[in-house]
């Protein structure tokens, strides 16, 4: 099946940064899932 996760961000405006998703399964360490970068007012890699 499928699910769609959302992340709402609030706070001071920013211009160059990245956001990502991580996950932690029971008994396991935190694991990287995916990331996306922002620069110049739009998303990049």
ModelCIF file with pLDDT and N, C-alpha, C, O atoms, coordinates in Angstrom:
data_MODEL
#
_entry.id   MODEL 
#
_entity.id                         1 
_entity.type                       polymer 
_entity.pdbx_number_of_molecules   1 
#
_entity_poly.entity_id                      1 
_entity_poly.type                           'polypeptide(L)' 
_entity_poly.nstd_linkage                   no 
_entity_poly.nstd_monomer                   no 
_entity_poly.pdbx_seq_one_letter_code       
;(UNK)(UNK)(UNK)(UNK)(UNK)(UNK)(UNK)(UNK)(UNK)(UNK)(UNK)(UNK)(UNK)(UNK)(UNK)(UNK)
(UNK)(UNK)(UNK)(UNK)(UNK)(UNK)(UNK)(UNK)(UNK)(UNK)(UNK)(UNK)(UNK)(UNK)(UNK)(UNK)
(UNK)(UNK)(UNK)(UNK)(UNK)(UNK)(UNK)(UNK)(UNK)(UNK)(UNK)(UNK)(UNK)
;
_entity_poly.pdbx_seq_one_letter_code_can   XXXXXXXXXXXXXXXXXXXXXXXXXXXXXXXXXXXXXXXXXXXXX 
_entity_poly.pdbx_strand_id                 A 
#
loop_
_entity_poly_seq.entity_id 
_entity_poly_seq.num 
_entity_poly_seq.mon_id 
_entity_poly_seq.hetero 
1 1  UNK n 
1 2  UNK n 
1 3  UNK n 
1 4  UNK n 
1 5  UNK n 
1 6  UNK n 
1 7  UNK n 
1 8  UNK n 
1 9  UNK n 
1 10 UNK n 
1 11 UNK n 
1 12 UNK n 
1 13 UNK n 
1 14 UNK n 
1 15 UNK n 
1 16 UNK n 
1 17 UNK n 
1 18 UNK n 
1 19 UNK n 
1 20 UNK n 
1 21 UNK n 
1 22 UNK n 
1 23 UNK n 
1 24 UNK n 
1 25 UNK n 
1 26 UNK n 
1 27 UNK n 
1 28 UNK n 
1 29 UNK n 
1 30 UNK n 
1 31 UNK n 
1 32 UNK n 
1 33 UNK n 
1 34 UNK n 
1 35 UNK n 
1 36 UNK n 
1 37 UNK n 
1 38 UNK n 
1 39 UNK n 
1 40 UNK n 
1 41 UNK n 
1 42 UNK n 
1 43 UNK n 
1 44 UNK n 
1 45 UNK n 
#
_struct_asym.id          A 
_struct_asym.entity_id   1 
#
loop_
_ma_qa_metric.id 
_ma_qa_metric.mode 
_ma_qa_metric.name 
_ma_qa_metric.software_group_id 
_ma_qa_metric.type 
1 global pLDDT . pLDDT 
2 local  pLDDT . pLDDT 
#
_ma_qa_metric_global.metric_id      1 
_ma_qa_metric_global.metric_value   92.58 
_ma_qa_metric_global.model_id       1 
_ma_qa_metric_global.ordinal_id     1 
#
loop_
_ma_qa_metric_local.label_asym_id 
_ma_qa_metric_local.label_comp_id 
_ma_qa_metric_local.label_seq_id 
_ma_qa_metric_local.metric_id 
_ma_qa_metric_local.metric_value 
_ma_qa_metric_local.model_id 
_ma_qa_metric_local.ordinal_id 
A UNK 1  2 98.00 1 1  
A UNK 2  2 98.00 1 2  
A UNK 3  2 98.00 1 3  
A UNK 4  2 98.00 1 4  
A UNK 5  2 98.00 1 5  
A UNK 6  2 98.00 1 6  
A UNK 7  2 97.00 1 7  
A UNK 8  2 96.00 1 8  
A UNK 9  2 94.00 1 9  
A UNK 10 2 93.00 1 10 
A UNK 11 2 90.00 1 11 
A UNK 12 2 87.00 1 12 
A UNK 13 2 82.00 1 13 
A UNK 14 2 83.00 1 14 
A UNK 15 2 83.00 1 15 
A UNK 16 2 89.00 1 16 
A UNK 17 2 91.00 1 17 
A UNK 18 2 94.00 1 18 
A UNK 19 2 95.00 1 19 
A UNK 20 2 97.00 1 20 
A UNK 21 2 98.00 1 21 
A UNK 22 2 98.00 1 22 
A UNK 23 2 98.00 1 23 
A UNK 24 2 98.00 1 24 
A UNK 25 2 96.00 1 25 
A UNK 26 2 91.00 1 26 
A UNK 27 2 93.00 1 27 
A UNK 28 2 95.00 1 28 
A UNK 29 2 96.00 1 29 
A UNK 30 2 96.00 1 30 
A UNK 31 2 97.00 1 31 
A UNK 32 2 98.00 1 32 
A UNK 33 2 98.00 1 33 
A UNK 34 2 98.00 1 34 
A UNK 35 2 97.00 1 35 
A UNK 36 2 96.00 1 36 
A UNK 37 2 93.00 1 37 
A UNK 38 2 89.00 1 38 
A UNK 39 2 85.00 1 39 
A UNK 40 2 80.00 1 40 
A UNK 41 2 79.00 1 41 
A UNK 42 2 83.00 1 42 
A UNK 43 2 81.00 1 43 
A UNK 44 2 83.00 1 44 
A UNK 45 2 91.00 1 45 
#
loop_
_atom_site.group_PDB 
_atom_site.id 
_atom_site.type_symbol 
_atom_site.label_atom_id 
_atom_site.label_alt_id 
_atom_site.label_comp_id 
_atom_site.label_asym_id 
_atom_site.label_entity_id 
_atom_site.label_seq_id 
_atom_site.pdbx_PDB_ins_code 
_atom_site.Cartn_x 
_atom_site.Cartn_y 
_atom_site.Cartn_z 
_atom_site.occupancy 
_atom_site.B_iso_or_equiv 
_atom_site.pdbx_formal_charge 
_atom_site.auth_seq_id 
_atom_site.auth_comp_id 
_atom_site.auth_asym_id 
_atom_site.auth_atom_id 
_atom_site.pdbx_PDB_model_num 
ATOM 1   N N  . UNK A 1 1  ? 0.806  -1.211 0.000  1.00 98.00 ? 1  UNK A N  1 
ATOM 2   C CA . UNK A 1 1  ? 0.000  0.000  0.000  1.00 98.00 ? 1  UNK A CA 1 
ATOM 3   C C  . UNK A 1 1  ? 0.841  1.265  0.000  1.00 98.00 ? 1  UNK A C  1 
ATOM 4   O O  . UNK A 1 1  ? 2.065  1.220  -0.123 1.00 98.00 ? 1  UNK A O  1 
ATOM 5   N N  . UNK A 1 2  ? 0.154  2.397  0.142  1.00 98.00 ? 2  UNK A N  1 
ATOM 6   C CA . UNK A 1 2  ? 0.805  3.703  0.070  1.00 98.00 ? 2  UNK A CA 1 
ATOM 7   C C  . UNK A 1 2  ? 0.387  4.581  1.242  1.00 98.00 ? 2  UNK A C  1 
ATOM 8   O O  . UNK A 1 2  ? -0.708 4.443  1.788  1.00 98.00 ? 2  UNK A O  1 
ATOM 9   N N  . UNK A 1 3  ? 1.275  5.475  1.610  1.00 98.00 ? 3  UNK A N  1 
ATOM 10  C CA . UNK A 1 3  ? 0.996  6.525  2.592  1.00 98.00 ? 3  UNK A CA 1 
ATOM 11  C C  . UNK A 1 3  ? 1.707  7.779  2.148  1.00 98.00 ? 3  UNK A C  1 
ATOM 12  O O  . UNK A 1 3  ? 2.714  7.725  1.442  1.00 98.00 ? 3  UNK A O  1 
ATOM 13  N N  . UNK A 1 4  ? 1.169  8.916  2.571  1.00 98.00 ? 4  UNK A N  1 
ATOM 14  C CA . UNK A 1 4  ? 1.789  10.202 2.262  1.00 98.00 ? 4  UNK A CA 1 
ATOM 15  C C  . UNK A 1 4  ? 2.017  10.935 3.569  1.00 98.00 ? 4  UNK A C  1 
ATOM 16  O O  . UNK A 1 4  ? 1.070  11.255 4.286  1.00 98.00 ? 4  UNK A O  1 
ATOM 17  N N  . UNK A 1 5  ? 3.285  11.201 3.876  1.00 98.00 ? 5  UNK A N  1 
ATOM 18  C CA . UNK A 1 5  ? 3.638  11.960 5.071  1.00 98.00 ? 5  UNK A CA 1 
ATOM 19  C C  . UNK A 1 5  ? 3.824  13.426 4.712  1.00 98.00 ? 5  UNK A C  1 
ATOM 20  O O  . UNK A 1 5  ? 4.324  13.764 3.639  1.00 98.00 ? 5  UNK A O  1 
ATOM 21  N N  . UNK A 1 6  ? 3.417  14.278 5.623  1.00 98.00 ? 6  UNK A N  1 
ATOM 22  C CA . UNK A 1 6  ? 3.602  15.712 5.440  1.00 98.00 ? 6  UNK A CA 1 
ATOM 23  C C  . UNK A 1 6  ? 4.372  16.294 6.605  1.00 98.00 ? 6  UNK A C  1 
ATOM 24  O O  . UNK A 1 6  ? 4.300  15.793 7.727  1.00 98.00 ? 6  UNK A O  1 
ATOM 25  N N  . UNK A 1 7  ? 5.110  17.358 6.328  1.00 97.00 ? 7  UNK A N  1 
ATOM 26  C CA . UNK A 1 7  ? 5.852  18.084 7.362  1.00 97.00 ? 7  UNK A CA 1 
ATOM 27  C C  . UNK A 1 7  ? 5.585  19.561 7.154  1.00 97.00 ? 7  UNK A C  1 
ATOM 28  O O  . UNK A 1 7  ? 5.906  20.117 6.104  1.00 97.00 ? 7  UNK A O  1 
ATOM 29  N N  . UNK A 1 8  ? 4.997  20.192 8.157  1.00 96.00 ? 8  UNK A N  1 
ATOM 30  C CA . UNK A 1 8  ? 4.726  21.622 8.099  1.00 96.00 ? 8  UNK A CA 1 
ATOM 31  C C  . UNK A 1 8  ? 5.799  22.365 8.879  1.00 96.00 ? 8  UNK A C  1 
ATOM 32  O O  . UNK A 1 8  ? 6.063  22.048 10.039 1.00 96.00 ? 8  UNK A O  1 
ATOM 33  N N  . UNK A 1 9  ? 6.417  23.356 8.239  1.00 94.00 ? 9  UNK A N  1 
ATOM 34  C CA . UNK A 1 9  ? 7.484  24.133 8.861  1.00 94.00 ? 9  UNK A CA 1 
ATOM 35  C C  . UNK A 1 9  ? 6.999  25.542 9.163  1.00 94.00 ? 9  UNK A C  1 
ATOM 36  O O  . UNK A 1 9  ? 6.297  26.152 8.357  1.00 94.00 ? 9  UNK A O  1 
ATOM 37  N N  . UNK A 1 10 ? 7.373  26.053 10.323 1.00 93.00 ? 10 UNK A N  1 
ATOM 38  C CA . UNK A 1 10 ? 7.053  27.433 10.689 1.00 93.00 ? 10 UNK A CA 1 
ATOM 39  C C  . UNK A 1 10 ? 8.246  28.063 11.378 1.00 93.00 ? 10 UNK A C  1 
ATOM 40  O O  . UNK A 1 10 ? 9.105  27.369 11.922 1.00 93.00 ? 10 UNK A O  1 
ATOM 41  N N  . UNK A 1 11 ? 8.291  29.390 11.350 1.00 90.00 ? 11 UNK A N  1 
ATOM 42  C CA . UNK A 1 11 ? 9.394  30.103 11.968 1.00 90.00 ? 11 UNK A CA 1 
ATOM 43  C C  . UNK A 1 11 ? 9.915  31.185 11.049 1.00 90.00 ? 11 UNK A C  1 
ATOM 44  O O  . UNK A 1 11 ? 9.245  31.545 10.081 1.00 90.00 ? 11 UNK A O  1 
ATOM 45  N N  . UNK A 1 12 ? 11.097 31.715 11.327 1.00 87.00 ? 12 UNK A N  1 
ATOM 46  C CA . UNK A 1 12 ? 11.644 32.803 10.524 1.00 87.00 ? 12 UNK A CA 1 
ATOM 47  C C  . UNK A 1 12 ? 11.938 32.335 9.104  1.00 87.00 ? 12 UNK A C  1 
ATOM 48  O O  . UNK A 1 12 ? 12.254 31.163 8.898  1.00 87.00 ? 12 UNK A O  1 
ATOM 49  N N  . UNK A 1 13 ? 11.840 33.229 8.119  1.00 82.00 ? 13 UNK A N  1 
ATOM 50  C CA . UNK A 1 13 ? 12.128 32.841 6.731  1.00 82.00 ? 13 UNK A CA 1 
ATOM 51  C C  . UNK A 1 13 ? 13.587 32.442 6.578  1.00 82.00 ? 13 UNK A C  1 
ATOM 52  O O  . UNK A 1 13 ? 14.475 32.980 7.239  1.00 82.00 ? 13 UNK A O  1 
ATOM 53  N N  . UNK A 1 14 ? 13.807 31.490 5.693  1.00 83.00 ? 14 UNK A N  1 
ATOM 54  C CA . UNK A 1 14 ? 15.143 30.985 5.423  1.00 83.00 ? 14 UNK A CA 1 
ATOM 55  C C  . UNK A 1 14 ? 15.364 30.931 3.926  1.00 83.00 ? 14 UNK A C  1 
ATOM 56  O O  . UNK A 1 14 ? 14.407 30.924 3.151  1.00 83.00 ? 14 UNK A O  1 
ATOM 57  N N  . UNK A 1 15 ? 16.643 30.893 3.508  1.00 83.00 ? 15 UNK A N  1 
ATOM 58  C CA . UNK A 1 15 ? 16.910 30.903 2.075  1.00 83.00 ? 15 UNK A CA 1 
ATOM 59  C C  . UNK A 1 15 ? 17.728 29.707 1.591  1.00 83.00 ? 15 UNK A C  1 
ATOM 60  O O  . UNK A 1 15 ? 17.519 29.250 0.468  1.00 83.00 ? 15 UNK A O  1 
ATOM 61  N N  . UNK A 1 16 ? 18.621 29.203 2.373  1.00 89.00 ? 16 UNK A N  1 
ATOM 62  C CA . UNK A 1 16 ? 19.493 28.100 1.950  1.00 89.00 ? 16 UNK A CA 1 
ATOM 63  C C  . UNK A 1 16 ? 19.567 27.051 3.040  1.00 89.00 ? 16 UNK A C  1 
ATOM 64  O O  . UNK A 1 16 ? 20.161 27.263 4.097  1.00 89.00 ? 16 UNK A O  1 
ATOM 65  N N  . UNK A 1 17 ? 18.944 25.906 2.757  1.00 91.00 ? 17 UNK A N  1 
ATOM 66  C CA . UNK A 1 17 ? 18.872 24.860 3.766  1.00 91.00 ? 17 UNK A CA 1 
ATOM 67  C C  . UNK A 1 17 ? 18.408 23.573 3.109  1.00 91.00 ? 17 UNK A C  1 
ATOM 68  O O  . UNK A 1 17 ? 18.171 23.532 1.902  1.00 91.00 ? 17 UNK A O  1 
ATOM 69  N N  . UNK A 1 18 ? 18.281 22.547 3.891  1.00 94.00 ? 18 UNK A N  1 
ATOM 70  C CA . UNK A 1 18 ? 17.742 21.278 3.419  1.00 94.00 ? 18 UNK A CA 1 
ATOM 71  C C  . UNK A 1 18 ? 16.783 20.735 4.458  1.00 94.00 ? 18 UNK A C  1 
ATOM 72  O O  . UNK A 1 18 ? 16.850 21.071 5.641  1.00 94.00 ? 18 UNK A O  1 
ATOM 73  N N  . UNK A 1 19 ? 15.904 19.898 3.988  1.00 95.00 ? 19 UNK A N  1 
ATOM 74  C CA . UNK A 1 19 ? 15.003 19.172 4.883  1.00 95.00 ? 19 UNK A CA 1 
ATOM 75  C C  . UNK A 1 19 ? 15.064 17.699 4.537  1.00 95.00 ? 19 UNK A C  1 
ATOM 76  O O  . UNK A 1 19 ? 15.319 17.324 3.393  1.00 95.00 ? 19 UNK A O  1 
ATOM 77  N N  . UNK A 1 20 ? 14.830 16.881 5.524  1.00 97.00 ? 20 UNK A N  1 
ATOM 78  C CA . UNK A 1 20 ? 14.936 15.460 5.283  1.00 97.00 ? 20 UNK A CA 1 
ATOM 79  C C  . UNK A 1 20 ? 13.973 14.646 6.117  1.00 97.00 ? 20 UNK A C  1 
ATOM 80  O O  . UNK A 1 20 ? 13.349 15.149 7.052  1.00 97.00 ? 20 UNK A O  1 
ATOM 81  N N  . UNK A 1 21 ? 13.864 13.390 5.763  1.00 98.00 ? 21 UNK A N  1 
ATOM 82  C CA . UNK A 1 21 ? 13.094 12.408 6.524  1.00 98.00 ? 21 UNK A CA 1 
ATOM 83  C C  . UNK A 1 21 ? 14.050 11.341 7.046  1.00 98.00 ? 21 UNK A C  1 
ATOM 84  O O  . UNK A 1 21 ? 14.896 10.823 6.317  1.00 98.00 ? 21 UNK A O  1 
ATOM 85  N N  . UNK A 1 22 ? 13.891 11.035 8.310  1.00 98.00 ? 22 UNK A N  1 
ATOM 86  C CA . UNK A 1 22 ? 14.623 9.949  8.944  1.00 98.00 ? 22 UNK A CA 1 
ATOM 87  C C  . UNK A 1 22 ? 13.592 9.015  9.574  1.00 98.00 ? 22 UNK A C  1 
ATOM 88  O O  . UNK A 1 22 ? 12.433 9.391  9.745  1.00 98.00 ? 22 UNK A O  1 
ATOM 89  N N  . UNK A 1 23 ? 14.004 7.827  9.912  1.00 98.00 ? 23 UNK A N  1 
ATOM 90  C CA . UNK A 1 23 ? 13.102 6.901  10.586 1.00 98.00 ? 23 UNK A CA 1 
ATOM 91  C C  . UNK A 1 23 ? 13.865 6.067  11.605 1.00 98.00 ? 23 UNK A C  1 
ATOM 92  O O  . UNK A 1 23 ? 15.070 5.843  11.491 1.00 98.00 ? 23 UNK A O  1 
ATOM 93  N N  . UNK A 1 24 ? 13.113 5.617  12.606 1.00 98.00 ? 24 UNK A N  1 
ATOM 94  C CA . UNK A 1 24 ? 13.690 4.743  13.634 1.00 98.00 ? 24 UNK A CA 1 
ATOM 95  C C  . UNK A 1 24 ? 12.729 3.593  13.864 1.00 98.00 ? 24 UNK A C  1 
ATOM 96  O O  . UNK A 1 24 ? 11.606 3.781  14.332 1.00 98.00 ? 24 UNK A O  1 
ATOM 97  N N  . UNK A 1 25 ? 13.192 2.398  13.527 1.00 96.00 ? 25 UNK A N  1 
ATOM 98  C CA . UNK A 1 25 ? 12.397 1.191  13.765 1.00 96.00 ? 25 UNK A CA 1 
ATOM 99  C C  . UNK A 1 25 ? 12.682 0.671  15.169 1.00 96.00 ? 25 UNK A C  1 
ATOM 100 O O  . UNK A 1 25 ? 13.736 0.976  15.729 1.00 96.00 ? 25 UNK A O  1 
ATOM 101 N N  . UNK A 1 26 ? 11.776 -0.103 15.750 1.00 91.00 ? 26 UNK A N  1 
ATOM 102 C CA . UNK A 1 26 ? 11.986 -0.637 17.098 1.00 91.00 ? 26 UNK A CA 1 
ATOM 103 C C  . UNK A 1 26 ? 13.286 -1.412 17.183 1.00 91.00 ? 26 UNK A C  1 
ATOM 104 O O  . UNK A 1 26 ? 13.537 -2.311 16.380 1.00 91.00 ? 26 UNK A O  1 
ATOM 105 N N  . UNK A 1 27 ? 14.115 -1.061 18.165 1.00 93.00 ? 27 UNK A N  1 
ATOM 106 C CA . UNK A 1 27 ? 15.356 -1.772 18.390 1.00 93.00 ? 27 UNK A CA 1 
ATOM 107 C C  . UNK A 1 27 ? 16.460 -1.439 17.409 1.00 93.00 ? 27 UNK A C  1 
ATOM 108 O O  . UNK A 1 27 ? 17.516 -2.073 17.425 1.00 93.00 ? 27 UNK A O  1 
ATOM 109 N N  . UNK A 1 28 ? 16.234 -0.458 16.560 1.00 95.00 ? 28 UNK A N  1 
ATOM 110 C CA . UNK A 1 28 ? 17.241 -0.100 15.562 1.00 95.00 ? 28 UNK A CA 1 
ATOM 111 C C  . UNK A 1 28 ? 17.649 1.364  15.703 1.00 95.00 ? 28 UNK A C  1 
ATOM 112 O O  . UNK A 1 28 ? 16.965 2.147  16.361 1.00 95.00 ? 28 UNK A O  1 
ATOM 113 N N  . UNK A 1 29 ? 18.760 1.723  15.084 1.00 96.00 ? 29 UNK A N  1 
ATOM 114 C CA . UNK A 1 29 ? 19.219 3.094  15.105 1.00 96.00 ? 29 UNK A CA 1 
ATOM 115 C C  . UNK A 1 29 ? 18.441 3.929  14.087 1.00 96.00 ? 29 UNK A C  1 
ATOM 116 O O  . UNK A 1 29 ? 17.826 3.405  13.157 1.00 96.00 ? 29 UNK A O  1 
ATOM 117 N N  . UNK A 1 30 ? 18.490 5.234  14.295 1.00 96.00 ? 30 UNK A N  1 
ATOM 118 C CA . UNK A 1 30 ? 17.863 6.159  13.357 1.00 96.00 ? 30 UNK A CA 1 
ATOM 119 C C  . UNK A 1 30 ? 18.499 5.993  11.979 1.00 96.00 ? 30 UNK A C  1 
ATOM 120 O O  . UNK A 1 30 ? 19.711 5.814  11.852 1.00 96.00 ? 30 UNK A O  1 
ATOM 121 N N  . UNK A 1 31 ? 17.657 6.055  10.954 1.00 97.00 ? 31 UNK A N  1 
ATOM 122 C CA . UNK A 1 31 ? 18.100 5.777  9.595  1.00 97.00 ? 31 UNK A CA 1 
ATOM 123 C C  . UNK A 1 31 ? 17.660 6.907  8.664  1.00 97.00 ? 31 UNK A C  1 
ATOM 124 O O  . UNK A 1 31 ? 16.526 7.379  8.747  1.00 97.00 ? 31 UNK A O  1 
ATOM 125 N N  . UNK A 1 32 ? 18.550 7.334  7.790  1.00 98.00 ? 32 UNK A N  1 
ATOM 126 C CA . UNK A 1 32 ? 18.226 8.328  6.785  1.00 98.00 ? 32 UNK A CA 1 
ATOM 127 C C  . UNK A 1 32 ? 17.274 7.742  5.754  1.00 98.00 ? 32 UNK A C  1 
ATOM 128 O O  . UNK A 1 32 ? 17.410 6.580  5.369  1.00 98.00 ? 32 UNK A O  1 
ATOM 129 N N  . UNK A 1 33 ? 16.305 8.544  5.305  1.00 98.00 ? 33 UNK A N  1 
ATOM 130 C CA . UNK A 1 33 ? 15.354 8.105  4.292  1.00 98.00 ? 33 UNK A CA 1 
ATOM 131 C C  . UNK A 1 33 ? 15.522 8.923  3.004  1.00 98.00 ? 33 UNK A C  1 
ATOM 132 O O  . UNK A 1 33 ? 15.774 8.359  1.939  1.00 98.00 ? 33 UNK A O  1 
ATOM 133 N N  . UNK A 1 34 ? 15.384 10.238 3.101  1.00 98.00 ? 34 UNK A N  1 
ATOM 134 C CA . UNK A 1 34 ? 15.462 11.088 1.912  1.00 98.00 ? 34 UNK A CA 1 
ATOM 135 C C  . UNK A 1 34 ? 15.670 12.534 2.324  1.00 98.00 ? 34 UNK A C  1 
ATOM 136 O O  . UNK A 1 34 ? 15.349 12.919 3.448  1.00 98.00 ? 34 UNK A O  1 
ATOM 137 N N  . UNK A 1 35 ? 16.216 13.347 1.396  1.00 97.00 ? 35 UNK A N  1 
ATOM 138 C CA . UNK A 1 35 ? 16.356 14.767 1.673  1.00 97.00 ? 35 UNK A CA 1 
ATOM 139 C C  . UNK A 1 35 ? 16.121 15.590 0.418  1.00 97.00 ? 35 UNK A C  1 
ATOM 140 O O  . UNK A 1 35 ? 16.188 15.087 -0.704 1.00 97.00 ? 35 UNK A O  1 
ATOM 141 N N  . UNK A 1 36 ? 15.845 16.864 0.636  1.00 96.00 ? 36 UNK A N  1 
ATOM 142 C CA . UNK A 1 36 ? 15.627 17.815 -0.455 1.00 96.00 ? 36 UNK A CA 1 
ATOM 143 C C  . UNK A 1 36 ? 16.205 19.154 -0.020 1.00 96.00 ? 36 UNK A C  1 
ATOM 144 O O  . UNK A 1 36 ? 16.096 19.534 1.146  1.00 96.00 ? 36 UNK A O  1 
ATOM 145 N N  . UNK A 1 37 ? 16.815 19.863 -0.951 1.00 93.00 ? 37 UNK A N  1 
ATOM 146 C CA . UNK A 1 37 ? 17.472 21.126 -0.609 1.00 93.00 ? 37 UNK A CA 1 
ATOM 147 C C  . UNK A 1 37 ? 16.713 22.312 -1.200 1.00 93.00 ? 37 UNK A C  1 
ATOM 148 O O  . UNK A 1 37 ? 16.008 22.198 -2.202 1.00 93.00 ? 37 UNK A O  1 
ATOM 149 N N  . UNK A 1 38 ? 16.889 23.467 -0.530 1.00 89.00 ? 38 UNK A N  1 
ATOM 150 C CA . UNK A 1 38 ? 16.290 24.723 -0.971 1.00 89.00 ? 38 UNK A CA 1 
ATOM 151 C C  . UNK A 1 38 ? 17.380 25.776 -1.141 1.00 89.00 ? 38 UNK A C  1 
ATOM 152 O O  . UNK A 1 38 ? 18.276 25.900 -0.306 1.00 89.00 ? 38 UNK A O  1 
ATOM 153 N N  . UNK A 1 39 ? 17.291 26.530 -2.233 1.00 85.00 ? 39 UNK A N  1 
ATOM 154 C CA . UNK A 1 39 ? 18.181 27.658 -2.446 1.00 85.00 ? 39 UNK A CA 1 
ATOM 155 C C  . UNK A 1 39 ? 17.551 28.593 -3.470 1.00 85.00 ? 39 UNK A C  1 
ATOM 156 O O  . UNK A 1 39 ? 16.908 28.134 -4.414 1.00 85.00 ? 39 UNK A O  1 
ATOM 157 N N  . UNK A 1 40 ? 17.729 29.897 -3.293 1.00 80.00 ? 40 UNK A N  1 
ATOM 158 C CA . UNK A 1 40 ? 17.188 30.850 -4.249 1.00 80.00 ? 40 UNK A CA 1 
ATOM 159 C C  . UNK A 1 40 ? 15.678 30.795 -4.364 1.00 80.00 ? 40 UNK A C  1 
ATOM 160 O O  . UNK A 1 40 ? 15.131 31.117 -5.418 1.00 80.00 ? 40 UNK A O  1 
ATOM 161 N N  . UNK A 1 41 ? 15.001 30.401 -3.319 1.00 79.00 ? 41 UNK A N  1 
ATOM 162 C CA . UNK A 1 41 ? 13.543 30.393 -3.325 1.00 79.00 ? 41 UNK A CA 1 
ATOM 163 C C  . UNK A 1 41 ? 12.900 29.217 -4.007 1.00 79.00 ? 41 UNK A C  1 
ATOM 164 O O  . UNK A 1 41 ? 11.705 29.259 -4.298 1.00 79.00 ? 41 UNK A O  1 
ATOM 165 N N  . UNK A 1 42 ? 13.651 28.166 -4.273 1.00 83.00 ? 42 UNK A N  1 
ATOM 166 C CA . UNK A 1 42 ? 13.042 26.981 -4.876 1.00 83.00 ? 42 UNK A CA 1 
ATOM 167 C C  . UNK A 1 42 ? 13.785 25.729 -4.445 1.00 83.00 ? 42 UNK A C  1 
ATOM 168 O O  . UNK A 1 42 ? 14.903 25.796 -3.933 1.00 83.00 ? 42 UNK A O  1 
ATOM 169 N N  . UNK A 1 43 ? 13.152 24.600 -4.657 1.00 81.00 ? 43 UNK A N  1 
ATOM 170 C CA . UNK A 1 43 ? 13.783 23.332 -4.314 1.00 81.00 ? 43 UNK A CA 1 
ATOM 171 C C  . UNK A 1 43 ? 14.813 22.936 -5.359 1.00 81.00 ? 43 UNK A C  1 
ATOM 172 O O  . UNK A 1 43 ? 14.731 23.319 -6.526 1.00 81.00 ? 43 UNK A O  1 
ATOM 173 N N  . UNK A 1 44 ? 15.777 22.163 -4.903 1.00 83.00 ? 44 UNK A N  1 
ATOM 174 C CA . UNK A 1 44 ? 16.831 21.721 -5.818 1.00 83.00 ? 44 UNK A CA 1 
ATOM 175 C C  . UNK A 1 44 ? 16.989 20.208 -5.721 1.00 83.00 ? 44 UNK A C  1 
ATOM 176 O O  . UNK A 1 44 ? 16.061 19.472 -6.058 1.00 83.00 ? 44 UNK A O  1 
ATOM 177 N N  . UNK A 1 45 ? 18.138 19.732 -5.271 1.00 91.00 ? 45 UNK A N  1 
ATOM 178 C CA . UNK A 1 45 ? 18.464 18.314 -5.321 1.00 91.00 ? 45 UNK A CA 1 
ATOM 179 C C  . UNK A 1 45 ? 17.626 17.496 -4.343 1.00 91.00 ? 45 UNK A C  1 
ATOM 180 O O  . UNK A 1 45 ? 17.782 16.277 -4.264 1.00 91.00 ? 45 UNK A O  1 
#
